[in-house]
Amino acid sequence: MDREFIRRLAAVTLSAGLAGALTLPTGATAAPADLASDAGVTATSELASPTMLHAIQRDLGLTEREALGQLAREADAATASEQLSSSLGSGFAGAWLDDSQQLVVGVTDAALAEQVRAAGAEPRLVANSERALNAAMTRLDRADRPASSEVHGWQVDVATNSVVVQAAPGAVDAATEFIAASGIDADLARVEVSREAPRLLFDVVGGQAYFPGNSRCSIGFSVSGGFVTAGHCGGAGTTTRGFNGVAQGTVQGASFPTNDYGWVRVNSNWVPRPWVTQWNGTVWVVRSSNVAAINATVCRSGSTTGVFCGRITHRNQTVNYPQGTVFGLTRTTVCAEPGDSGGSFVASGISAQGVTSGGSGNCTFGGITFFQPVNEILQRFGLRLTVG
């Protein structure tokens, strides 16, 4: 593994140093400078484009070598965790990266520990399988909704082998009652006091701007025939215009609340491309939708704040927005602000992760943001991600 890491690090460094710009074809759709100045495509390395690498260094306080090394380890961890999830079956209790970037895998049977070590991960014996935690989440999701002003959301936390319910200050009793009413085992859940108060990020732009009805939202990722985005931007039948005001398409399907996803079929004036804007005249070229590991680096592109990066902290997060409850989101430490919702989340690769739903805080003081996993959207509507 060390030799492989050195080989990849050298290849990435060389690739980053030789990266050149590719000019967009004449007549290709591009946003004006104030929205998305996609004047060219910068060749991406095996792990990250130069702009993504710069944002990771800036936002996570890493040197270039540290960032590249971290991305290489995270890519390996994503592969190993997917393989172990399949091979360990009901004994699998989730996987995550610790602060030293070591892949940790929870198991409910000590006999599985050697199999985890053979994959280069550290086993941790726990009481509850990932299936049991997800089943508890399902019970919470089906229970009567608490007030969003009291309970902000609930999530699976594989690192603590529990389901966490986030309560507003002074609302611990309400969260505890919610857990009890769901009928789940009290030993599976814990209450965490949180001041987040998530909200939807309306009037959003991720890659390029588009206008559903009278509002402004963002394109998440191109798919065959159109693009995916946030569901709260507009229901099925909503007509859309592009960043330039030209008729663009129609929302074919959308879900909000419960989910926060939708997709738009574009007309012949628009050509889906495998690109996400970096807001500096270049774009990321999307290559896959491989799921990054928990605690892996992830970056978001949005028109309000540009490119910001952080980490994936949890999957299977339920968020209790004032406008309705959304299930199955992924939680990150990436900041966002109104105008960023619906935008693109990408990880090492460049791998599409999801579209921005909502969050709390801002990019001045910091915050958290949730995204709807892109693979769920693709599967729900039978779409194919446009890749380069």
Protein backbone atom coordinates (compact mmCIF):
# COMPACT_ATOMS: atom_id res chain seq x y z
CA MET A 1 0.00 0.00 0.00
CA ASP A 2 2.86 2.43 0.74
CA ARG A 3 4.42 1.83 -2.69
CA GLU A 4 1.04 2.36 -4.32
CA PHE A 5 0.56 5.61 -2.41
CA ILE A 6 3.98 6.90 -3.51
CA ARG A 7 3.23 5.98 -7.12
CA ARG A 8 -0.11 7.78 -7.06
CA LEU A 9 1.30 10.81 -5.29
CA ALA A 10 4.02 11.19 -7.92
CA ALA A 11 1.52 10.76 -10.76
CA VAL A 12 -0.88 13.29 -9.30
CA THR A 13 1.84 15.85 -8.66
CA LEU A 14 3.09 15.51 -12.22
CA SER A 15 -0.44 15.70 -13.63
CA ALA A 16 -1.25 18.80 -11.60
CA GLY A 17 1.92 20.48 -12.80
CA LEU A 18 1.22 19.78 -16.47
CA ALA A 19 -2.54 20.49 -16.37
CA GLY A 20 -3.67 22.60 -19.31
CA ALA A 21 -6.88 24.41 -20.16
CA LEU A 22 -9.25 23.11 -22.80
CA THR A 23 -11.36 25.74 -24.54
CA LEU A 24 -15.10 25.12 -24.68
CA PRO A 25 -16.38 24.32 -28.19
CA THR A 26 -17.80 27.23 -30.16
CA GLY A 27 -21.50 27.65 -29.42
CA ALA A 28 -21.44 25.54 -26.23
CA THR A 29 -23.64 26.81 -23.44
CA ALA A 30 -21.77 28.86 -20.83
CA ALA A 31 -22.87 31.26 -18.11
CA PRO A 32 -21.97 34.94 -18.09
CA ALA A 33 -19.17 36.10 -15.81
CA ASP A 34 -21.51 37.10 -12.98
CA LEU A 35 -23.00 33.60 -12.77
CA ALA A 36 -20.67 30.95 -14.19
CA SER A 37 -17.63 31.92 -16.22
CA ASP A 38 -16.96 28.41 -17.57
CA ALA A 39 -14.49 29.60 -20.18
CA GLY A 40 -12.49 26.39 -20.19
CA VAL A 41 -11.90 22.95 -18.78
CA THR A 42 -8.80 22.26 -16.69
CA ALA A 43 -7.49 18.72 -17.01
CA THR A 44 -8.07 16.87 -13.74
CA SER A 45 -5.60 14.63 -11.96
CA GLU A 46 -6.41 11.16 -10.71
CA LEU A 47 -7.57 12.56 -7.37
CA ALA A 48 -8.43 16.24 -7.68
CA SER A 49 -8.31 19.20 -10.03
CA PRO A 50 -5.90 22.04 -9.17
CA THR A 51 -8.76 24.25 -7.98
CA MET A 52 -10.26 21.53 -5.80
CA LEU A 53 -6.81 20.82 -4.37
CA HIS A 54 -6.33 24.50 -3.58
CA ALA A 55 -9.73 24.70 -1.86
CA ILE A 56 -8.95 21.62 0.25
CA GLN A 57 -5.63 23.11 1.33
CA ARG A 58 -7.30 26.41 2.19
CA ASP A 59 -10.35 25.04 4.02
CA LEU A 60 -8.74 22.08 5.80
CA GLY A 61 -5.38 23.72 6.58
CA LEU A 62 -3.28 21.18 4.70
CA THR A 63 -0.15 21.39 2.57
CA GLU A 64 -0.37 20.16 -1.02
CA ARG A 65 1.43 16.93 -0.15
CA GLU A 66 -0.82 16.35 2.87
CA ALA A 67 -3.94 16.97 0.78
CA LEU A 68 -2.84 14.60 -1.99
CA GLY A 69 -1.86 11.92 0.49
CA GLN A 70 -5.17 12.27 2.28
CA LEU A 71 -7.17 12.01 -0.94
CA ALA A 72 -5.26 8.87 -1.96
CA ARG A 73 -5.99 7.21 1.39
CA GLU A 74 -9.63 8.24 1.20
CA ALA A 75 -10.03 6.73 -2.27
CA ASP A 76 -8.57 3.44 -1.01
CA ALA A 77 -10.84 3.58 2.06
CA ALA A 78 -13.94 4.04 -0.10
CA THR A 79 -13.10 0.88 -2.06
CA ALA A 80 -12.29 -1.16 1.05
CA SER A 81 -15.41 -0.07 2.95
CA GLU A 82 -17.70 -1.00 0.04
CA GLN A 83 -16.10 -4.43 -0.22
CA LEU A 84 -16.37 -5.06 3.53
CA SER A 85 -19.96 -3.89 3.65
CA SER A 86 -20.78 -6.64 1.17
CA SER A 87 -18.59 -9.40 2.58
CA LEU A 88 -19.40 -8.91 6.30
CA GLY A 89 -23.15 -8.97 5.76
CA SER A 90 -25.21 -8.60 8.93
CA GLY A 91 -22.02 -8.30 11.00
CA PHE A 92 -21.12 -4.99 9.35
CA ALA A 93 -21.66 -2.01 11.65
CA GLY A 94 -20.51 0.86 9.44
CA ALA A 95 -17.15 2.31 8.41
CA TRP A 96 -15.45 5.64 8.96
CA LEU A 97 -12.08 7.33 8.87
CA ASP A 98 -10.59 8.36 12.21
CA ASP A 99 -8.63 11.58 12.67
CA SER A 100 -5.43 9.87 11.47
CA GLN A 101 -7.19 8.75 8.23
CA GLN A 102 -7.24 5.13 9.37
CA LEU A 103 -10.30 3.25 8.09
CA VAL A 104 -12.25 1.86 11.06
CA VAL A 105 -14.94 -0.78 10.53
CA GLY A 106 -17.51 -1.73 13.14
CA VAL A 107 -18.33 -5.42 13.52
CA THR A 108 -20.82 -7.17 15.78
CA ASP A 109 -18.88 -10.46 15.83
CA ALA A 110 -15.27 -10.66 17.00
CA ALA A 111 -14.71 -13.50 14.53
CA LEU A 112 -14.93 -10.97 11.69
CA ALA A 113 -12.05 -8.84 12.98
CA GLU A 114 -9.34 -10.66 11.03
CA GLN A 115 -11.22 -10.17 7.77
CA VAL A 116 -11.31 -6.43 8.46
CA ARG A 117 -7.58 -6.33 9.24
CA ALA A 118 -6.81 -8.22 6.03
CA ALA A 119 -8.47 -5.37 4.13
CA GLY A 120 -6.15 -2.85 5.83
CA ALA A 121 -8.79 -1.51 8.22
CA GLU A 122 -9.06 -1.44 12.00
CA PRO A 123 -11.94 -3.50 13.46
CA ARG A 124 -14.07 -2.20 16.31
CA LEU A 125 -16.42 -4.55 18.15
CA VAL A 126 -19.82 -2.93 18.75
CA ALA A 127 -23.28 -3.97 19.84
CA ASN A 128 -25.44 -2.81 16.94
CA SER A 129 -25.13 -3.63 13.23
CA GLU A 130 -25.60 -0.96 10.59
CA ARG A 131 -28.83 -2.71 9.65
CA ALA A 132 -30.10 -2.34 13.24
CA LEU A 133 -29.19 1.36 13.29
CA ASN A 134 -30.90 1.94 9.95
CA ALA A 135 -33.96 0.04 11.18
CA ALA A 136 -34.09 2.35 14.21
CA MET A 137 -33.87 5.33 11.84
CA THR A 138 -36.82 3.94 9.90
CA ARG A 139 -38.88 3.78 13.12
CA LEU A 140 -37.98 7.38 13.93
CA ASP A 141 -38.79 8.46 10.37
CA ARG A 142 -42.26 6.90 10.65
CA ALA A 143 -43.04 8.35 14.08
CA ASP A 144 -45.11 11.50 14.58
CA ARG A 145 -42.95 14.51 13.69
CA PRO A 146 -41.79 16.71 16.55
CA ALA A 147 -41.79 20.47 16.07
CA SER A 148 -38.81 21.61 13.95
CA SER A 149 -38.17 24.37 16.50
CA GLU A 150 -37.50 21.65 19.10
CA VAL A 151 -35.98 18.76 17.17
CA HIS A 152 -33.74 19.65 14.23
CA GLY A 153 -33.14 16.15 12.91
CA TRP A 154 -31.85 12.66 13.58
CA GLN A 155 -29.07 10.57 12.07
CA VAL A 156 -27.11 7.34 12.20
CA ASP A 157 -23.72 7.84 13.89
CA VAL A 158 -21.66 4.73 13.15
CA ALA A 159 -18.65 6.01 15.10
CA THR A 160 -20.67 5.93 18.35
CA ASN A 161 -22.81 3.01 17.19
CA SER A 162 -26.01 4.90 17.88
CA VAL A 163 -28.82 6.97 16.43
CA VAL A 164 -28.51 10.63 17.40
CA VAL A 165 -31.48 12.98 17.78
CA GLN A 166 -30.54 16.67 17.57
CA ALA A 167 -32.54 18.82 19.97
CA ALA A 168 -32.65 22.59 20.30
CA PRO A 169 -31.36 24.02 23.60
CA GLY A 170 -34.05 23.43 26.22
CA ALA A 171 -35.81 20.78 24.14
CA VAL A 172 -34.09 17.62 25.39
CA ASP A 173 -37.35 16.39 26.93
CA ALA A 174 -39.14 16.77 23.60
CA ALA A 175 -36.40 14.77 21.86
CA THR A 176 -36.52 12.08 24.55
CA GLU A 177 -40.30 11.81 24.18
CA PHE A 178 -39.90 11.53 20.42
CA ILE A 179 -37.50 8.61 20.85
CA ALA A 180 -39.82 6.88 23.30
CA ALA A 181 -42.86 7.35 21.06
CA SER A 182 -41.03 5.76 18.11
CA GLY A 183 -40.74 2.49 20.00
CA ILE A 184 -37.03 1.97 19.34
CA ASP A 185 -34.68 0.54 21.94
CA ALA A 186 -33.57 3.44 24.14
CA ASP A 187 -30.04 1.97 24.19
CA LEU A 188 -29.77 2.63 20.45
CA ALA A 189 -30.43 6.37 20.68
CA ARG A 190 -28.98 9.43 22.31
CA VAL A 191 -29.93 13.11 22.36
CA GLU A 192 -27.50 15.80 21.26
CA VAL A 193 -28.15 19.49 21.94
CA SER A 194 -27.70 21.52 18.77
CA ARG A 195 -28.11 25.18 17.79
CA GLU A 196 -28.10 24.44 14.06
CA ALA A 197 -31.77 25.03 13.16
CA PRO A 198 -31.34 23.95 9.50
CA ARG A 199 -33.22 25.81 6.80
CA LEU A 200 -33.64 25.35 3.08
CA LEU A 201 -31.33 27.39 0.90
CA PHE A 202 -33.63 28.97 -1.69
CA ASP A 203 -32.73 31.03 -4.78
CA VAL A 204 -29.84 28.70 -5.41
CA VAL A 205 -27.13 28.15 -8.02
CA GLY A 206 -24.73 25.25 -7.90
CA GLY A 207 -22.99 24.93 -11.21
CA GLN A 208 -24.98 27.24 -13.46
CA ALA A 209 -28.08 29.19 -12.58
CA TYR A 210 -31.49 28.21 -13.84
CA PHE A 211 -34.89 29.69 -13.16
CA PRO A 212 -37.84 27.41 -12.30
CA GLY A 213 -40.90 29.65 -12.51
CA ASN A 214 -40.15 32.94 -10.77
CA SER A 215 -37.35 31.64 -8.53
CA ARG A 216 -33.67 30.96 -9.13
CA CYS A 217 -32.02 27.63 -8.37
CA SER A 218 -28.96 25.63 -9.40
CA ILE A 219 -28.00 22.74 -11.59
CA GLY A 220 -26.59 19.82 -9.64
CA PHE A 221 -25.25 17.35 -12.24
CA SER A 222 -25.92 16.67 -15.89
CA VAL A 223 -27.72 13.44 -16.75
CA SER A 224 -28.89 11.95 -20.04
CA GLY A 225 -31.50 14.39 -21.30
CA GLY A 226 -31.15 17.03 -18.61
CA PHE A 227 -29.92 17.58 -15.07
CA VAL A 228 -30.66 16.79 -11.42
CA THR A 229 -31.17 19.38 -8.72
CA ALA A 230 -32.96 20.03 -5.42
CA GLY A 231 -36.61 19.01 -5.26
CA HIS A 232 -37.74 22.07 -3.32
CA CYS A 233 -36.91 24.24 -6.34
CA GLY A 234 -40.04 23.19 -8.24
CA GLY A 235 -42.52 20.36 -8.68
CA ALA A 236 -43.22 18.26 -11.77
CA GLY A 237 -44.45 20.38 -14.66
CA THR A 238 -42.54 23.50 -13.66
CA THR A 239 -40.97 25.15 -16.72
CA THR A 240 -37.41 26.41 -16.45
CA ARG A 241 -35.20 29.03 -18.09
CA GLY A 242 -31.44 28.97 -18.23
CA PHE A 243 -28.97 31.48 -16.82
CA ASN A 244 -29.47 33.58 -19.98
CA GLY A 245 -33.27 33.61 -19.84
CA VAL A 246 -33.64 31.21 -22.75
CA ALA A 247 -36.33 28.52 -22.45
CA GLN A 248 -34.58 25.48 -21.05
CA GLY A 249 -36.87 22.62 -20.06
CA THR A 250 -39.47 21.17 -17.71
CA VAL A 251 -39.25 19.46 -14.33
CA GLN A 252 -40.08 15.80 -15.02
CA GLY A 253 -40.13 14.59 -11.44
CA ALA A 254 -39.48 16.00 -7.98
CA SER A 255 -39.88 15.06 -4.33
CA PHE A 256 -40.00 17.42 -1.35
CA PRO A 257 -40.37 16.97 1.54
CA THR A 258 -39.49 13.33 2.41
CA ASN A 259 -36.75 13.68 -0.22
CA ASP A 260 -35.14 16.75 -1.74
CA TYR A 261 -34.49 15.85 -5.34
CA GLY A 262 -35.78 16.53 -8.82
CA TRP A 263 -34.75 16.39 -12.44
CA VAL A 264 -35.27 18.65 -15.45
CA ARG A 265 -35.49 17.47 -19.06
CA VAL A 266 -33.90 20.12 -21.29
CA ASN A 267 -34.86 21.08 -24.83
CA SER A 268 -32.66 21.02 -27.90
CA ASN A 269 -31.14 24.41 -27.04
CA TRP A 270 -29.20 22.81 -24.21
CA VAL A 271 -26.57 20.09 -24.16
CA PRO A 272 -25.81 18.27 -20.89
CA ARG A 273 -22.07 18.30 -20.15
CA PRO A 274 -20.07 16.39 -17.50
CA TRP A 275 -18.92 19.63 -15.86
CA VAL A 276 -19.25 21.51 -12.58
CA THR A 277 -18.10 25.13 -12.46
CA GLN A 278 -15.19 26.12 -10.23
CA TRP A 279 -16.01 29.85 -10.56
CA ASN A 280 -12.57 30.70 -11.97
CA GLY A 281 -13.08 30.04 -15.67
CA THR A 282 -12.52 26.28 -15.36
CA VAL A 283 -14.69 23.30 -14.54
CA TRP A 284 -14.45 19.95 -12.79
CA VAL A 285 -14.97 17.01 -15.15
CA VAL A 286 -17.26 14.50 -13.44
CA ARG A 287 -15.99 10.93 -13.81
CA SER A 288 -18.19 8.80 -11.56
CA SER A 289 -20.61 8.74 -8.65
CA ASN A 290 -18.56 6.50 -6.34
CA VAL A 291 -19.60 7.07 -2.74
CA ALA A 292 -16.89 8.63 -0.56
CA ALA A 293 -16.23 7.30 2.95
CA ILE A 294 -17.46 8.95 6.12
CA ASN A 295 -14.90 11.58 7.21
CA ALA A 296 -13.63 11.87 3.62
CA THR A 297 -13.06 15.26 2.01
CA VAL A 298 -15.90 16.74 -0.03
CA CYS A 299 -16.23 20.04 -1.91
CA ARG A 300 -19.26 22.07 -2.89
CA SER A 301 -19.74 24.52 -5.76
CA GLY A 302 -22.29 27.28 -5.36
CA SER A 303 -22.91 30.67 -6.92
CA THR A 304 -23.19 32.61 -3.66
CA THR A 305 -19.96 31.52 -2.03
CA GLY A 306 -18.03 29.69 -4.76
CA VAL A 307 -16.06 26.56 -3.87
CA PHE A 308 -15.79 25.41 -0.25
CA CYS A 309 -14.66 22.09 1.18
CA GLY A 310 -15.03 20.07 4.35
CA ARG A 311 -15.73 16.50 5.42
CA ILE A 312 -18.56 14.01 5.26
CA THR A 313 -19.56 13.33 8.86
CA HIS A 314 -22.70 11.18 8.63
CA ARG A 315 -24.94 9.43 6.17
CA ASN A 316 -28.62 8.65 6.62
CA GLN A 317 -29.42 11.98 8.28
CA THR A 318 -33.04 13.00 8.72
CA VAL A 319 -33.52 16.79 8.76
CA ASN A 320 -36.66 18.26 10.26
CA TYR A 321 -36.95 21.48 8.23
CA PRO A 322 -39.75 23.92 9.07
CA GLN A 323 -41.10 23.21 5.57
CA GLY A 324 -41.10 19.43 6.07
CA THR A 325 -38.95 16.46 7.04
CA VAL A 326 -36.37 15.06 4.61
CA PHE A 327 -34.83 11.61 5.06
CA GLY A 328 -31.61 9.98 3.89
CA LEU A 329 -29.45 13.09 3.56
CA THR A 330 -25.67 13.19 3.99
CA ARG A 331 -24.24 15.62 6.55
CA THR A 332 -21.03 17.59 5.92
CA THR A 333 -18.90 20.28 7.55
CA VAL A 334 -18.97 22.32 4.32
CA CYS A 335 -20.43 25.80 4.70
CA ALA A 336 -23.16 27.18 2.46
CA GLU A 337 -25.45 30.17 2.22
CA PRO A 338 -28.76 31.00 0.54
CA GLY A 339 -28.11 30.85 -3.17
CA ASP A 340 -25.93 27.74 -2.86
CA SER A 341 -28.76 25.21 -2.46
CA GLY A 342 -29.17 22.63 -5.21
CA GLY A 343 -25.48 22.84 -6.08
CA SER A 344 -22.95 20.10 -6.69
CA PHE A 345 -21.03 18.13 -4.06
CA VAL A 346 -17.96 16.32 -5.42
CA ALA A 347 -15.22 14.18 -3.90
CA SER A 348 -11.92 12.68 -4.97
CA GLY A 349 -12.07 11.46 -8.46
CA ILE A 350 -13.91 13.77 -9.48
CA SER A 351 -16.87 11.79 -8.09
CA ALA A 352 -20.40 13.22 -7.93
CA GLN A 353 -21.77 12.89 -4.38
CA GLY A 354 -25.04 14.81 -4.25
CA VAL A 355 -27.00 18.05 -4.55
CA THR A 356 -27.20 20.67 -1.81
CA SER A 357 -30.39 20.59 0.25
CA GLY A 358 -29.98 22.95 3.23
CA GLY A 359 -27.92 23.63 6.31
CA SER A 360 -27.09 26.08 9.06
CA GLY A 361 -24.44 28.73 9.64
CA ASN A 362 -22.62 30.53 6.85
CA CYS A 363 -19.23 30.75 5.14
CA THR A 364 -18.02 33.63 7.32
CA PHE A 365 -18.35 31.91 10.67
CA GLY A 366 -18.71 28.31 9.50
CA GLY A 367 -21.61 25.90 9.31
CA ILE A 368 -22.92 22.54 8.17
CA THR A 369 -24.69 21.53 4.96
CA PHE A 370 -26.72 18.48 3.94
CA PHE A 371 -26.85 16.95 0.48
CA GLN A 372 -29.20 14.52 -1.22
CA PRO A 373 -27.07 11.60 -2.49
CA VAL A 374 -26.95 11.65 -6.28
CA ASN A 375 -27.09 7.87 -6.72
CA GLU A 376 -30.52 7.79 -5.08
CA ILE A 377 -31.76 10.39 -7.57
CA LEU A 378 -30.35 8.46 -10.52
CA GLN A 379 -31.94 5.23 -9.34
CA ARG A 380 -35.29 6.83 -8.52
CA PHE A 381 -35.75 8.30 -12.00
CA GLY A 382 -33.73 5.77 -14.02
CA LEU A 383 -31.20 8.39 -15.11
CA ARG A 384 -27.60 8.05 -16.28
CA LEU A 385 -24.99 10.45 -14.96
CA THR A 386 -23.14 12.35 -17.70
CA VAL A 387 -19.43 11.67 -17.18
CA GLY A 388 -16.24 12.72 -18.93
